[in-house]
Amino acid sequence: MLIAASFMLASCGAPAANNAAANNKPANATNAATAPAADKAAVEADIKKMMDDFAAALNKGDADALGKMYADDYTLIDQNGVVQTKAARIDAVKSGKMKMEGMKFEDLKIKTNPAGDGAVVTGHVTGKTTMDGKSEDRNSMVTWVMGKMKDKGWQFVSAQITDIKAGSAAKPDEAKKSDEKKADAAPATNSNK
């Protein structure tokens, strides 16, 4: 019995060399520490070019170009709350069910991750869309999530559209300035009354 207990204590002794605390760092901790930061200006320039190409493809109804811009698992939540997939979007363009004219993206705000392979882009979108023969002027805010895919470049991963309602056509920066003016114009109140 004493011999069995001594074997058990010996096997539970000091950690083996490959289990030492210094060797138990996550593999990605070393990689992340040495990864160079992306050139933010270059990444933003790439994304702005893609947004220009995207507007051109939408206005031309170029389903092939759009197919390369959408990731395979792309989803869009449209202004009506309908979830659309890449396949549905491309099919609608190819069939002529969906047409876009004069689409413009303005006031783009681009936020990239430090590695430079992911981004969130917001912007004001105007133009005209026709779906199933019904035309509608577009005045919306859109949020796009983008990723830089291996061998494919930048692609849209997901997007969400929110229509700007009549009477609230102010652009986000203008609305902020308006709120600041209201706050400045408000009379000071005495809380000691």
N, C-alpha and C. Protein backbone atom coordinates (compact mmCIF):
# COMPACT_ATOMS: atom_id res chain seq x y z
N MET A 1 0.82 -1.18 0.00
CA MET A 1 0.00 0.00 0.00
C MET A 1 0.87 1.25 0.00
N LEU A 2 1.93 1.26 0.80
CA LEU A 2 2.83 2.38 0.88
C LEU A 2 3.52 2.62 -0.45
N ILE A 3 3.85 1.54 -1.17
CA ILE A 3 4.50 1.67 -2.47
C ILE A 3 3.53 2.29 -3.47
N ALA A 4 2.28 1.88 -3.45
CA ALA A 4 1.27 2.44 -4.37
C ALA A 4 1.07 3.92 -4.11
N ALA A 5 1.05 4.33 -2.85
CA ALA A 5 0.87 5.73 -2.50
C ALA A 5 2.07 6.56 -2.96
N SER A 6 3.27 6.02 -2.87
CA SER A 6 4.45 6.77 -3.29
C SER A 6 4.47 6.94 -4.81
N PHE A 7 4.01 5.93 -5.56
CA PHE A 7 3.92 6.07 -7.03
C PHE A 7 2.90 7.15 -7.40
N MET A 8 1.81 7.17 -6.65
CA MET A 8 0.77 8.16 -6.92
C MET A 8 1.28 9.57 -6.64
N LEU A 9 1.97 9.79 -5.56
CA LEU A 9 2.51 11.10 -5.24
C LEU A 9 3.56 11.52 -6.26
N ALA A 10 4.38 10.58 -6.69
CA ALA A 10 5.42 10.90 -7.67
C ALA A 10 4.80 11.32 -9.00
N SER A 11 3.70 10.66 -9.39
CA SER A 11 3.08 10.99 -10.67
C SER A 11 2.33 12.31 -10.61
N CYS A 12 1.99 12.78 -9.42
CA CYS A 12 1.27 14.06 -9.27
C CYS A 12 2.22 15.20 -8.91
N GLY A 13 3.49 14.98 -9.00
CA GLY A 13 4.50 15.97 -8.61
C GLY A 13 4.52 17.15 -9.56
N ALA A 14 5.70 17.70 -9.77
CA ALA A 14 5.90 18.89 -10.60
C ALA A 14 5.42 18.65 -12.03
N PRO A 15 4.96 19.70 -12.68
CA PRO A 15 4.48 19.54 -14.06
C PRO A 15 5.61 19.17 -14.99
N ALA A 16 5.26 18.46 -16.02
CA ALA A 16 6.24 18.11 -17.05
C ALA A 16 6.64 19.39 -17.78
N ALA A 17 7.77 19.36 -18.45
CA ALA A 17 8.30 20.55 -19.12
C ALA A 17 7.32 21.13 -20.13
N ASN A 18 6.57 20.26 -20.82
CA ASN A 18 5.65 20.79 -21.83
C ASN A 18 4.36 21.34 -21.22
N ASN A 19 4.17 21.21 -19.92
CA ASN A 19 2.99 21.76 -19.26
C ASN A 19 3.31 23.01 -18.45
N ALA A 20 4.52 23.48 -18.49
CA ALA A 20 4.90 24.65 -17.71
C ALA A 20 4.02 25.83 -18.10
N ALA A 21 3.75 26.69 -17.13
CA ALA A 21 2.86 27.84 -17.34
C ALA A 21 3.30 28.71 -18.52
N ALA A 22 4.60 28.87 -18.70
CA ALA A 22 5.09 29.71 -19.79
C ALA A 22 4.74 29.13 -21.15
N ASN A 23 4.58 27.83 -21.22
CA ASN A 23 4.26 27.20 -22.51
C ASN A 23 2.76 27.07 -22.75
N ASN A 24 1.94 27.50 -21.81
CA ASN A 24 0.49 27.34 -21.96
C ASN A 24 -0.20 28.58 -22.51
N LYS A 25 0.52 29.51 -23.11
CA LYS A 25 -0.09 30.68 -23.73
C LYS A 25 -0.92 30.22 -24.93
N PRO A 26 -2.05 30.87 -25.16
CA PRO A 26 -2.80 30.53 -26.37
C PRO A 26 -1.95 30.81 -27.60
N ALA A 27 -2.10 29.97 -28.60
CA ALA A 27 -1.30 30.11 -29.82
C ALA A 27 -1.52 31.47 -30.47
N ASN A 28 -2.74 31.98 -30.41
CA ASN A 28 -3.01 33.25 -31.08
C ASN A 28 -2.48 34.46 -30.32
N ALA A 29 -2.13 34.33 -29.04
CA ALA A 29 -1.60 35.46 -28.29
C ALA A 29 -0.27 35.91 -28.87
N THR A 30 0.56 34.96 -29.23
CA THR A 30 1.85 35.30 -29.83
C THR A 30 1.64 35.90 -31.22
N ASN A 31 0.76 35.30 -31.99
CA ASN A 31 0.50 35.79 -33.34
C ASN A 31 -0.09 37.19 -33.33
N ALA A 32 -1.02 37.45 -32.41
CA ALA A 32 -1.66 38.77 -32.36
C ALA A 32 -0.66 39.84 -31.95
N ALA A 33 0.28 39.49 -31.09
CA ALA A 33 1.24 40.48 -30.62
C ALA A 33 2.20 40.90 -31.73
N THR A 34 2.44 40.02 -32.68
CA THR A 34 3.40 40.34 -33.73
C THR A 34 2.75 40.76 -35.04
N ALA A 35 1.42 40.65 -35.13
CA ALA A 35 0.73 41.03 -36.37
C ALA A 35 0.80 42.54 -36.55
N PRO A 36 1.24 43.01 -37.72
CA PRO A 36 1.31 44.46 -37.94
C PRO A 36 -0.09 45.05 -38.10
N ALA A 37 -0.26 46.27 -37.65
CA ALA A 37 -1.54 46.95 -37.82
C ALA A 37 -1.72 47.27 -39.30
N ALA A 38 -2.96 47.21 -39.75
CA ALA A 38 -3.27 47.50 -41.15
C ALA A 38 -3.14 48.99 -41.42
N ASP A 39 -2.86 49.34 -42.66
CA ASP A 39 -2.83 50.73 -43.10
C ASP A 39 -4.28 51.18 -43.27
N LYS A 40 -4.81 51.88 -42.26
CA LYS A 40 -6.22 52.26 -42.21
C LYS A 40 -6.64 53.06 -43.44
N ALA A 41 -5.80 54.00 -43.86
CA ALA A 41 -6.14 54.83 -45.03
C ALA A 41 -6.26 53.97 -46.29
N ALA A 42 -5.38 53.01 -46.45
CA ALA A 42 -5.42 52.13 -47.63
C ALA A 42 -6.67 51.24 -47.59
N VAL A 43 -7.00 50.73 -46.41
CA VAL A 43 -8.19 49.89 -46.26
C VAL A 43 -9.44 50.70 -46.59
N GLU A 44 -9.53 51.93 -46.06
CA GLU A 44 -10.69 52.77 -46.33
C GLU A 44 -10.79 53.13 -47.81
N ALA A 45 -9.65 53.35 -48.47
CA ALA A 45 -9.65 53.65 -49.91
C ALA A 45 -10.18 52.45 -50.69
N ASP A 46 -9.77 51.24 -50.31
CA ASP A 46 -10.26 50.02 -50.97
C ASP A 46 -11.78 49.90 -50.82
N ILE A 47 -12.25 50.17 -49.61
CA ILE A 47 -13.69 50.04 -49.35
C ILE A 47 -14.47 51.11 -50.11
N LYS A 48 -13.97 52.35 -50.15
CA LYS A 48 -14.66 53.41 -50.90
C LYS A 48 -14.75 53.06 -52.38
N LYS A 49 -13.67 52.49 -52.93
CA LYS A 49 -13.70 52.06 -54.34
C LYS A 49 -14.74 50.97 -54.54
N MET A 50 -14.79 50.02 -53.60
CA MET A 50 -15.79 48.96 -53.72
C MET A 50 -17.20 49.53 -53.65
N MET A 51 -17.42 50.52 -52.80
CA MET A 51 -18.75 51.12 -52.70
C MET A 51 -19.13 51.80 -54.01
N ASP A 52 -18.16 52.45 -54.67
CA ASP A 52 -18.42 53.05 -55.99
C ASP A 52 -18.76 51.97 -57.01
N ASP A 53 -17.99 50.89 -57.00
CA ASP A 53 -18.24 49.77 -57.92
C ASP A 53 -19.60 49.12 -57.64
N PHE A 54 -19.96 49.05 -56.35
CA PHE A 54 -21.24 48.47 -55.95
C PHE A 54 -22.39 49.31 -56.47
N ALA A 55 -22.31 50.64 -56.32
CA ALA A 55 -23.37 51.53 -56.84
C ALA A 55 -23.50 51.37 -58.35
N ALA A 56 -22.37 51.30 -59.04
CA ALA A 56 -22.39 51.13 -60.50
C ALA A 56 -23.05 49.80 -60.88
N ALA A 57 -22.71 48.73 -60.18
CA ALA A 57 -23.29 47.41 -60.48
C ALA A 57 -24.79 47.40 -60.22
N LEU A 58 -25.23 48.03 -59.13
CA LEU A 58 -26.66 48.11 -58.83
C LEU A 58 -27.40 48.87 -59.93
N ASN A 59 -26.85 50.02 -60.35
CA ASN A 59 -27.50 50.85 -61.36
C ASN A 59 -27.54 50.19 -62.73
N LYS A 60 -26.55 49.35 -63.04
CA LYS A 60 -26.51 48.64 -64.33
C LYS A 60 -27.28 47.33 -64.29
N GLY A 61 -27.62 46.87 -63.09
CA GLY A 61 -28.27 45.57 -62.96
C GLY A 61 -27.29 44.44 -63.30
N ASP A 62 -26.03 44.63 -62.94
CA ASP A 62 -24.96 43.67 -63.25
C ASP A 62 -24.92 42.56 -62.20
N ALA A 63 -25.70 41.51 -62.41
CA ALA A 63 -25.82 40.41 -61.46
C ALA A 63 -24.49 39.69 -61.25
N ASP A 64 -23.68 39.56 -62.31
CA ASP A 64 -22.38 38.88 -62.17
C ASP A 64 -21.46 39.65 -61.23
N ALA A 65 -21.39 40.97 -61.41
CA ALA A 65 -20.54 41.78 -60.52
C ALA A 65 -21.06 41.73 -59.09
N LEU A 66 -22.39 41.84 -58.93
CA LEU A 66 -22.98 41.77 -57.59
C LEU A 66 -22.70 40.43 -56.93
N GLY A 67 -22.75 39.35 -57.71
CA GLY A 67 -22.48 38.02 -57.19
C GLY A 67 -21.08 37.89 -56.59
N LYS A 68 -20.13 38.63 -57.14
CA LYS A 68 -18.76 38.62 -56.62
C LYS A 68 -18.63 39.49 -55.38
N MET A 69 -19.51 40.47 -55.24
CA MET A 69 -19.43 41.39 -54.11
C MET A 69 -20.11 40.86 -52.85
N TYR A 70 -21.09 39.97 -53.02
CA TYR A 70 -21.79 39.40 -51.88
C TYR A 70 -21.10 38.11 -51.45
N ALA A 71 -20.84 37.95 -50.14
CA ALA A 71 -20.31 36.69 -49.61
C ALA A 71 -21.37 35.61 -49.83
N ASP A 72 -20.94 34.36 -49.88
CA ASP A 72 -21.88 33.26 -50.14
C ASP A 72 -23.02 33.21 -49.13
N ASP A 73 -22.74 33.57 -47.86
CA ASP A 73 -23.77 33.52 -46.83
C ASP A 73 -24.36 34.91 -46.52
N TYR A 74 -24.27 35.82 -47.49
CA TYR A 74 -24.78 37.19 -47.34
C TYR A 74 -26.26 37.20 -47.00
N THR A 75 -26.63 38.09 -46.08
CA THR A 75 -28.05 38.34 -45.80
C THR A 75 -28.28 39.84 -45.71
N LEU A 76 -29.44 40.24 -46.16
CA LEU A 76 -29.88 41.63 -46.10
C LEU A 76 -31.21 41.66 -45.39
N ILE A 77 -31.36 42.60 -44.46
CA ILE A 77 -32.67 42.90 -43.89
C ILE A 77 -33.09 44.19 -44.56
N ASP A 78 -34.12 44.09 -45.41
CA ASP A 78 -34.51 45.27 -46.19
C ASP A 78 -35.39 46.22 -45.39
N GLN A 79 -35.80 47.30 -46.03
CA GLN A 79 -36.57 48.35 -45.38
C GLN A 79 -37.93 47.88 -44.88
N ASN A 80 -38.38 46.72 -45.35
CA ASN A 80 -39.66 46.16 -44.90
C ASN A 80 -39.48 45.06 -43.86
N GLY A 81 -38.23 44.82 -43.45
CA GLY A 81 -37.95 43.77 -42.46
C GLY A 81 -37.83 42.39 -43.06
N VAL A 82 -37.80 42.29 -44.38
CA VAL A 82 -37.69 41.00 -45.06
C VAL A 82 -36.21 40.61 -45.16
N VAL A 83 -35.91 39.36 -44.79
CA VAL A 83 -34.54 38.87 -44.88
C VAL A 83 -34.33 38.29 -46.27
N GLN A 84 -33.30 38.78 -46.95
CA GLN A 84 -32.98 38.30 -48.29
C GLN A 84 -31.59 37.68 -48.29
N THR A 85 -31.41 36.65 -49.08
CA THR A 85 -30.11 35.98 -49.21
C THR A 85 -29.42 36.46 -50.49
N LYS A 86 -28.18 36.07 -50.61
CA LYS A 86 -27.43 36.39 -51.84
C LYS A 86 -28.17 35.84 -53.05
N ALA A 87 -28.58 34.58 -52.98
CA ALA A 87 -29.25 33.94 -54.12
C ALA A 87 -30.52 34.69 -54.51
N ALA A 88 -31.30 35.10 -53.52
CA ALA A 88 -32.55 35.82 -53.81
C ALA A 88 -32.26 37.17 -54.47
N ARG A 89 -31.25 37.88 -53.97
CA ARG A 89 -30.90 39.19 -54.54
C ARG A 89 -30.44 39.04 -55.99
N ILE A 90 -29.55 38.08 -56.23
CA ILE A 90 -29.01 37.88 -57.58
C ILE A 90 -30.11 37.44 -58.53
N ASP A 91 -30.97 36.52 -58.09
CA ASP A 91 -32.08 36.06 -58.93
C ASP A 91 -33.02 37.21 -59.29
N ALA A 92 -33.29 38.11 -58.31
CA ALA A 92 -34.19 39.24 -58.56
C ALA A 92 -33.60 40.19 -59.60
N VAL A 93 -32.28 40.39 -59.55
CA VAL A 93 -31.63 41.25 -60.54
C VAL A 93 -31.62 40.59 -61.91
N LYS A 94 -31.24 39.30 -61.96
CA LYS A 94 -31.18 38.58 -63.25
C LYS A 94 -32.53 38.53 -63.94
N SER A 95 -33.58 38.30 -63.17
CA SER A 95 -34.92 38.17 -63.75
C SER A 95 -35.55 39.51 -64.12
N GLY A 96 -34.96 40.60 -63.65
CA GLY A 96 -35.53 41.92 -63.90
C GLY A 96 -36.60 42.29 -62.88
N LYS A 97 -36.83 41.42 -61.92
CA LYS A 97 -37.82 41.67 -60.86
C LYS A 97 -37.41 42.89 -60.03
N MET A 98 -36.08 43.09 -59.86
CA MET A 98 -35.57 44.21 -59.10
C MET A 98 -34.65 45.04 -59.98
N LYS A 99 -34.94 46.34 -60.04
CA LYS A 99 -34.10 47.28 -60.80
C LYS A 99 -33.81 48.48 -59.92
N MET A 100 -32.62 49.04 -60.11
CA MET A 100 -32.24 50.22 -59.35
C MET A 100 -31.69 51.27 -60.30
N GLU A 101 -32.07 52.51 -60.03
CA GLU A 101 -31.63 53.63 -60.87
C GLU A 101 -31.14 54.77 -59.99
N GLY A 102 -30.04 55.38 -60.41
CA GLY A 102 -29.54 56.57 -59.73
C GLY A 102 -29.13 56.35 -58.29
N MET A 103 -28.78 55.11 -57.94
CA MET A 103 -28.39 54.83 -56.56
C MET A 103 -27.09 55.56 -56.24
N LYS A 104 -27.12 56.32 -55.13
CA LYS A 104 -25.94 57.05 -54.66
C LYS A 104 -25.74 56.75 -53.19
N PHE A 105 -24.48 56.57 -52.82
CA PHE A 105 -24.12 56.37 -51.41
C PHE A 105 -23.37 57.62 -50.97
N GLU A 106 -23.89 58.27 -49.93
CA GLU A 106 -23.28 59.51 -49.44
C GLU A 106 -23.04 59.40 -47.93
N ASP A 107 -22.22 60.30 -47.44
CA ASP A 107 -21.92 60.36 -46.01
C ASP A 107 -21.46 59.03 -45.45
N LEU A 108 -20.60 58.34 -46.21
CA LEU A 108 -20.11 57.04 -45.77
C LEU A 108 -19.22 57.20 -44.53
N LYS A 109 -19.47 56.37 -43.55
CA LYS A 109 -18.65 56.28 -42.35
C LYS A 109 -18.10 54.86 -42.32
N ILE A 110 -16.78 54.73 -42.29
CA ILE A 110 -16.13 53.42 -42.36
C ILE A 110 -15.39 53.17 -41.06
N LYS A 111 -15.70 52.07 -40.42
CA LYS A 111 -14.99 51.65 -39.21
C LYS A 111 -14.38 50.29 -39.50
N THR A 112 -13.05 50.22 -39.37
CA THR A 112 -12.35 48.96 -39.68
C THR A 112 -11.80 48.35 -38.41
N ASN A 113 -11.59 47.04 -38.46
CA ASN A 113 -10.94 46.40 -37.33
C ASN A 113 -9.42 46.60 -37.46
N PRO A 114 -8.65 46.40 -36.38
CA PRO A 114 -7.20 46.65 -36.43
C PRO A 114 -6.45 45.83 -37.48
N ALA A 115 -6.91 44.62 -37.74
CA ALA A 115 -6.22 43.77 -38.72
C ALA A 115 -6.49 44.23 -40.15
N GLY A 116 -7.51 45.05 -40.35
CA GLY A 116 -7.81 45.56 -41.68
C GLY A 116 -8.54 44.57 -42.57
N ASP A 117 -9.17 43.55 -41.98
CA ASP A 117 -9.88 42.57 -42.80
C ASP A 117 -11.38 42.51 -42.49
N GLY A 118 -11.86 43.50 -41.75
CA GLY A 118 -13.28 43.59 -41.45
C GLY A 118 -13.67 45.04 -41.30
N ALA A 119 -14.92 45.35 -41.65
CA ALA A 119 -15.37 46.74 -41.57
C ALA A 119 -16.88 46.81 -41.43
N VAL A 120 -17.33 47.90 -40.81
CA VAL A 120 -18.73 48.26 -40.77
C VAL A 120 -18.83 49.61 -41.46
N VAL A 121 -19.72 49.70 -42.45
CA VAL A 121 -19.88 50.93 -43.22
C VAL A 121 -21.33 51.37 -43.08
N THR A 122 -21.53 52.64 -42.77
CA THR A 122 -22.88 53.20 -42.75
C THR A 122 -22.93 54.33 -43.77
N GLY A 123 -24.11 54.56 -44.31
CA GLY A 123 -24.23 55.63 -45.29
C GLY A 123 -25.67 55.94 -45.63
N HIS A 124 -25.85 57.10 -46.25
CA HIS A 124 -27.14 57.57 -46.72
C HIS A 124 -27.28 57.14 -48.18
N VAL A 125 -28.39 56.51 -48.51
CA VAL A 125 -28.61 55.99 -49.86
C VAL A 125 -29.84 56.66 -50.47
N THR A 126 -29.65 57.16 -51.69
CA THR A 126 -30.77 57.72 -52.43
C THR A 126 -30.79 57.08 -53.81
N GLY A 127 -31.93 57.16 -54.46
CA GLY A 127 -32.09 56.61 -55.79
C GLY A 127 -33.51 56.10 -55.96
N LYS A 128 -33.69 55.22 -56.93
CA LYS A 128 -35.02 54.68 -57.22
C LYS A 128 -34.90 53.17 -57.34
N THR A 129 -35.79 52.45 -56.66
CA THR A 129 -35.84 50.99 -56.80
C THR A 129 -37.19 50.59 -57.37
N THR A 130 -37.15 49.58 -58.18
CA THR A 130 -38.38 49.00 -58.72
C THR A 130 -38.37 47.53 -58.37
N MET A 131 -39.42 47.10 -57.66
CA MET A 131 -39.54 45.70 -57.25
C MET A 131 -40.91 45.21 -57.69
N ASP A 132 -40.92 44.18 -58.49
CA ASP A 132 -42.18 43.62 -59.01
C ASP A 132 -43.02 44.70 -59.71
N GLY A 133 -42.36 45.60 -60.44
CA GLY A 133 -43.05 46.64 -61.19
C GLY A 133 -43.46 47.85 -60.37
N LYS A 134 -43.24 47.82 -59.06
CA LYS A 134 -43.61 48.95 -58.20
C LYS A 134 -42.36 49.77 -57.91
N SER A 135 -42.38 51.05 -58.35
CA SER A 135 -41.23 51.93 -58.15
C SER A 135 -41.35 52.69 -56.84
N GLU A 136 -40.19 52.95 -56.26
CA GLU A 136 -40.15 53.65 -54.98
C GLU A 136 -38.86 54.47 -54.92
N ASP A 137 -38.99 55.73 -54.49
CA ASP A 137 -37.80 56.54 -54.28
C ASP A 137 -37.11 56.05 -53.02
N ARG A 138 -35.82 55.93 -53.10
CA ARG A 138 -35.04 55.43 -51.97
C ARG A 138 -34.43 56.60 -51.23
N ASN A 139 -34.68 56.70 -49.95
CA ASN A 139 -34.06 57.67 -49.04
C ASN A 139 -33.87 56.90 -47.74
N SER A 140 -32.71 56.28 -47.62
CA SER A 140 -32.49 55.32 -46.54
C SER A 140 -31.12 55.47 -45.91
N MET A 141 -31.02 54.92 -44.74
CA MET A 141 -29.72 54.72 -44.10
C MET A 141 -29.44 53.22 -44.19
N VAL A 142 -28.19 52.89 -44.50
CA VAL A 142 -27.82 51.49 -44.65
C VAL A 142 -26.58 51.21 -43.81
N THR A 143 -26.55 50.03 -43.21
CA THR A 143 -25.37 49.54 -42.51
C THR A 143 -24.93 48.27 -43.23
N TRP A 144 -23.67 48.26 -43.67
CA TRP A 144 -23.08 47.09 -44.31
C TRP A 144 -21.99 46.53 -43.41
N VAL A 145 -21.94 45.22 -43.29
CA VAL A 145 -20.83 44.55 -42.62
C VAL A 145 -20.03 43.88 -43.73
N MET A 146 -18.72 44.16 -43.74
CA MET A 146 -17.86 43.67 -44.82
C MET A 146 -16.69 42.87 -44.27
N GLY A 147 -16.22 41.93 -45.06
CA GLY A 147 -15.04 41.17 -44.70
C GLY A 147 -14.14 41.01 -45.90
N LYS A 148 -12.85 40.97 -45.64
CA LYS A 148 -11.90 40.74 -46.72
C LYS A 148 -11.64 39.24 -46.77
N MET A 149 -12.14 38.60 -47.81
CA MET A 149 -12.10 37.15 -47.93
C MET A 149 -10.87 36.71 -48.73
N LYS A 150 -10.30 35.60 -48.29
CA LYS A 150 -9.13 35.06 -48.98
C LYS A 150 -9.50 34.76 -50.43
N ASP A 151 -8.69 35.22 -51.34
CA ASP A 151 -8.83 35.00 -52.79
C ASP A 151 -10.07 35.67 -53.40
N LYS A 152 -10.84 36.45 -52.61
CA LYS A 152 -12.03 37.10 -53.15
C LYS A 152 -12.04 38.60 -52.90
N GLY A 153 -11.17 39.09 -52.03
CA GLY A 153 -11.16 40.50 -51.69
C GLY A 153 -12.32 40.87 -50.79
N TRP A 154 -12.67 42.16 -50.79
CA TRP A 154 -13.76 42.64 -49.94
C TRP A 154 -15.11 42.14 -50.44
N GLN A 155 -15.93 41.69 -49.50
CA GLN A 155 -17.29 41.26 -49.82
C GLN A 155 -18.24 41.72 -48.72
N PHE A 156 -19.51 41.89 -49.11
CA PHE A 156 -20.55 42.22 -48.15
C PHE A 156 -20.97 40.93 -47.45
N VAL A 157 -20.98 40.96 -46.13
CA VAL A 157 -21.39 39.80 -45.34
C VAL A 157 -22.86 39.94 -44.96
N SER A 158 -23.25 41.16 -44.57
CA SER A 158 -24.65 41.42 -44.26
C SER A 158 -24.92 42.92 -44.40
N ALA A 159 -26.21 43.24 -44.45
CA ALA A 159 -26.61 44.64 -44.56
C ALA A 159 -28.00 44.81 -43.96
N GLN A 160 -28.30 46.05 -43.60
CA GLN A 160 -29.61 46.38 -43.05
C GLN A 160 -29.99 47.76 -43.54
N ILE A 161 -31.21 47.90 -44.06
CA ILE A 161 -31.70 49.16 -44.62
C ILE A 161 -32.81 49.70 -43.71
N THR A 162 -32.74 51.00 -43.43
CA THR A 162 -33.81 51.68 -42.70
C THR A 162 -34.23 52.89 -43.51
N ASP A 163 -35.50 52.93 -43.91
CA ASP A 163 -36.00 54.09 -44.65
C ASP A 163 -36.08 55.30 -43.73
N ILE A 164 -35.78 56.47 -44.29
CA ILE A 164 -35.93 57.72 -43.58
C ILE A 164 -37.35 58.21 -43.86
N LYS A 165 -38.12 58.37 -42.83
CA LYS A 165 -39.53 58.76 -42.98
C LYS A 165 -39.65 60.22 -43.39
N ALA A 166 -40.75 60.54 -44.03
CA ALA A 166 -41.02 61.92 -44.44
C ALA A 166 -40.97 62.81 -43.22
N GLY A 167 -40.35 63.97 -43.38
CA GLY A 167 -40.23 64.89 -42.26
C GLY A 167 -38.97 64.69 -41.45
N SER A 168 -38.28 63.57 -41.67
CA SER A 168 -37.02 63.34 -40.96
C SER A 168 -35.92 63.13 -41.97
N ALA A 169 -35.94 63.98 -42.99
CA ALA A 169 -34.97 63.85 -44.07
C ALA A 169 -33.60 64.42 -43.72
N ALA A 170 -33.44 64.94 -42.51
CA ALA A 170 -32.14 65.49 -42.12
C ALA A 170 -31.11 64.38 -42.06
N LYS A 171 -29.94 64.69 -42.55
CA LYS A 171 -28.85 63.73 -42.48
C LYS A 171 -28.40 63.64 -41.03
N PRO A 172 -27.79 62.54 -40.61
CA PRO A 172 -27.41 62.35 -39.21
C PRO A 172 -26.61 63.52 -38.63
N ASP A 173 -25.62 64.04 -39.36
CA ASP A 173 -24.81 65.14 -38.85
C ASP A 173 -25.64 66.41 -38.68
N GLU A 174 -26.61 66.63 -39.61
CA GLU A 174 -27.46 67.80 -39.51
C GLU A 174 -28.39 67.69 -38.31
N ALA A 175 -28.89 66.49 -38.05
CA ALA A 175 -29.77 66.27 -36.90
C ALA A 175 -29.01 66.55 -35.61
N LYS A 176 -27.78 66.14 -35.54
CA LYS A 176 -26.96 66.36 -34.35
C LYS A 176 -26.76 67.86 -34.13
N LYS A 177 -26.45 68.60 -35.21
CA LYS A 177 -26.26 70.05 -35.11
C LYS A 177 -27.55 70.72 -34.66
N SER A 178 -28.67 70.25 -35.17
CA SER A 178 -29.97 70.80 -34.79
C SER A 178 -30.22 70.58 -33.29
N ASP A 179 -29.92 69.39 -32.79
CA ASP A 179 -30.09 69.09 -31.37
C ASP A 179 -29.19 69.98 -30.52
N GLU A 180 -27.94 70.22 -30.98
CA GLU A 180 -27.01 71.06 -30.24
C GLU A 180 -27.52 72.50 -30.19
N LYS A 181 -28.10 73.00 -31.31
CA LYS A 181 -28.63 74.36 -31.34
C LYS A 181 -29.79 74.49 -30.36
N LYS A 182 -30.66 73.48 -30.31
CA LYS A 182 -31.79 73.50 -29.38
C LYS A 182 -31.30 73.55 -27.94
N ALA A 183 -30.27 72.78 -27.64
CA ALA A 183 -29.73 72.75 -26.28
C ALA A 183 -29.12 74.10 -25.91
N ASP A 184 -28.43 74.73 -26.87
CA ASP A 184 -27.82 76.04 -26.62
C ASP A 184 -28.88 77.12 -26.44
N ALA A 185 -29.99 77.00 -27.15
CA ALA A 185 -31.04 78.02 -27.11
C ALA A 185 -31.95 77.87 -25.90
N ALA A 186 -31.95 76.72 -25.26
CA ALA A 186 -32.84 76.49 -24.12
C ALA A 186 -32.44 77.40 -22.96
N PRO A 187 -33.42 78.07 -22.33
CA PRO A 187 -33.09 78.96 -21.22
C PRO A 187 -32.60 78.15 -20.02
N ALA A 188 -31.68 78.74 -19.30
CA ALA A 188 -31.17 78.07 -18.10
C ALA A 188 -32.26 78.11 -17.04
N THR A 189 -32.39 77.05 -16.30
CA THR A 189 -33.40 77.00 -15.25
C THR A 189 -32.70 77.00 -13.90
N ASN A 190 -33.38 77.56 -12.93
CA ASN A 190 -32.84 77.59 -11.57
C ASN A 190 -33.50 76.47 -10.80
N SER A 191 -32.73 75.51 -10.39
CA SER A 191 -33.29 74.36 -9.69
C SER A 191 -33.57 74.68 -8.23
N ASN A 192 -33.21 75.88 -7.76
CA ASN A 192 -33.43 76.23 -6.35
C ASN A 192 -34.78 76.90 -6.13
N LYS A 193 -35.58 77.07 -7.14
CA LYS A 193 -36.90 77.73 -6.97
C LYS A 193 -37.85 76.86 -6.22
